[in-house]
Amino acid sequence: MPRHTIPTTRYDYVYVDGDHSAAGALFDMTVAWRLVRLGGLMVIDDVLADAHVATVGASASAFVAAHRRELRVVWSDHQLALRKMKNRATIRTIHGNDEEIKAAALG
């Protein structure tokens, strides 16, 4: 598995429109969130798109649940906008295949 390097630069706005598998989308959100500065905004595309609600939507729900203490949902529609309200010292990662992530997100 390749090693990924996270840049040290933080951004006011990060737009996530990447992998549409549940695990890939969750990975993209986790990496992107680390790039958002405190007070910044992350927008996730295709959250409620019919073709992707079971993957991207479920991953977004799992991401919000895992990071609920450090974010505020600004809007939720076809896209989901999250404001970073606090930084986290350690990042909890959600593991599993697409079906496990979907099941965890949907309860």
Protein backbone atom coordinates (compact mmCIF):
# COMPACT_ATOMS: atom_id res chain seq x y z
CA MET A 1 0.00 0.00 0.00
CA PRO A 2 1.46 3.39 -0.95
CA ARG A 3 2.25 5.91 1.76
CA HIS A 4 0.41 9.21 1.55
CA THR A 5 1.97 12.45 2.68
CA ILE A 6 -0.37 15.12 4.04
CA PRO A 7 0.79 18.68 3.23
CA THR A 8 1.29 21.01 6.17
CA THR A 9 -0.56 23.86 4.43
CA ARG A 10 -4.13 24.45 5.68
CA TYR A 11 -6.88 25.91 3.52
CA ASP A 12 -10.02 28.00 4.04
CA TYR A 13 -11.99 25.87 1.59
CA VAL A 14 -11.56 22.26 0.45
CA TYR A 15 -13.87 20.67 -2.13
CA VAL A 16 -14.15 16.87 -2.15
CA ASP A 17 -15.32 15.23 -5.39
CA GLY A 18 -13.26 12.08 -5.64
CA ASP A 19 -13.65 8.35 -5.26
CA HIS A 20 -17.30 7.26 -5.15
CA SER A 21 -16.80 3.94 -3.33
CA ALA A 22 -17.68 4.06 0.37
CA ALA A 23 -14.14 3.34 1.55
CA GLY A 24 -12.56 5.65 -1.05
CA ALA A 25 -14.95 8.51 -0.26
CA LEU A 26 -14.27 8.15 3.46
CA PHE A 27 -10.53 8.19 2.81
CA ASP A 28 -10.88 11.34 0.66
CA MET A 29 -12.93 13.08 3.39
CA THR A 30 -10.46 12.12 6.11
CA VAL A 31 -7.46 13.41 4.16
CA ALA A 32 -9.29 16.57 3.04
CA TRP A 33 -10.45 17.34 6.60
CA ARG A 34 -6.85 17.42 7.75
CA LEU A 35 -6.21 20.14 5.15
CA VAL A 36 -9.00 22.43 6.40
CA ARG A 37 -7.90 25.21 8.74
CA LEU A 38 -9.80 25.96 11.93
CA GLY A 39 -12.89 27.90 10.87
CA GLY A 40 -12.55 26.62 7.29
CA LEU A 41 -15.09 24.84 5.16
CA MET A 42 -15.09 21.40 3.53
CA VAL A 43 -17.71 20.71 0.86
CA ILE A 44 -18.41 17.11 -0.14
CA ASP A 45 -20.06 16.54 -3.53
CA ASP A 46 -22.59 13.85 -4.50
CA VAL A 47 -23.80 13.18 -0.95
CA LEU A 48 -27.42 12.81 -2.05
CA ALA A 49 -26.87 11.90 -5.69
CA ASP A 50 -29.07 8.88 -6.46
CA ALA A 51 -26.17 6.89 -7.85
CA HIS A 52 -23.93 7.59 -4.84
CA VAL A 53 -26.16 7.94 -1.77
CA ALA A 54 -25.37 4.39 -0.62
CA THR A 55 -21.62 5.01 -0.87
CA VAL A 56 -20.69 8.70 -0.65
CA GLY A 57 -23.78 9.54 1.42
CA ALA A 58 -23.16 6.70 3.86
CA SER A 59 -19.48 7.62 4.16
CA ALA A 60 -20.38 11.28 4.78
CA SER A 61 -22.78 10.22 7.54
CA ALA A 62 -20.08 8.07 9.13
CA PHE A 63 -17.55 10.91 8.82
CA VAL A 64 -19.89 13.43 10.47
CA ALA A 65 -20.64 10.98 13.29
CA ALA A 66 -16.93 10.33 13.89
CA HIS A 67 -16.08 14.06 13.88
CA ARG A 68 -19.27 15.45 15.45
CA ARG A 69 -17.40 17.23 18.27
CA GLU A 70 -15.23 19.23 15.90
CA LEU A 71 -17.58 20.30 13.12
CA ARG A 72 -20.81 22.08 12.32
CA VAL A 73 -23.00 21.19 9.35
CA VAL A 74 -23.47 24.41 7.36
CA TRP A 75 -25.75 22.96 4.69
CA SER A 76 -26.79 19.59 3.38
CA ASP A 77 -28.28 18.99 -0.02
CA HIS A 78 -26.68 17.39 -3.08
CA GLN A 79 -23.52 18.61 -1.35
CA LEU A 80 -22.61 18.66 2.32
CA ALA A 81 -20.74 21.65 3.77
CA LEU A 82 -18.90 21.24 7.08
CA ARG A 83 -17.26 24.01 9.11
CA LYS A 84 -14.24 22.98 11.21
CA MET A 85 -14.96 24.30 14.69
CA LYS A 86 -12.11 22.62 16.53
CA ASN A 87 -8.98 20.64 15.80
CA ARG A 88 -8.55 17.10 16.96
CA ALA A 89 -5.32 15.86 18.48
CA THR A 90 -5.83 12.30 17.29
CA ILE A 91 -7.83 11.19 14.31
CA ARG A 92 -10.11 8.19 14.72
CA THR A 93 -10.25 6.23 11.50
CA ILE A 94 -13.23 4.15 10.45
CA HIS A 95 -12.14 0.81 8.98
CA GLY A 96 -14.06 -1.74 6.98
CA ASN A 97 -15.26 -2.63 3.54
CA ASP A 98 -18.00 -0.74 1.71
CA GLU A 99 -20.81 -2.83 3.23
CA GLU A 100 -19.48 -2.47 6.80
CA ILE A 101 -19.10 1.29 6.41
CA LYS A 102 -22.60 1.56 4.94
CA ALA A 103 -24.07 -0.53 7.78
CA ALA A 104 -22.30 1.57 10.43
CA ALA A 105 -23.46 4.82 8.83
CA LEU A 106 -27.07 3.71 8.45
CA GLY A 107 -27.25 2.25 11.95
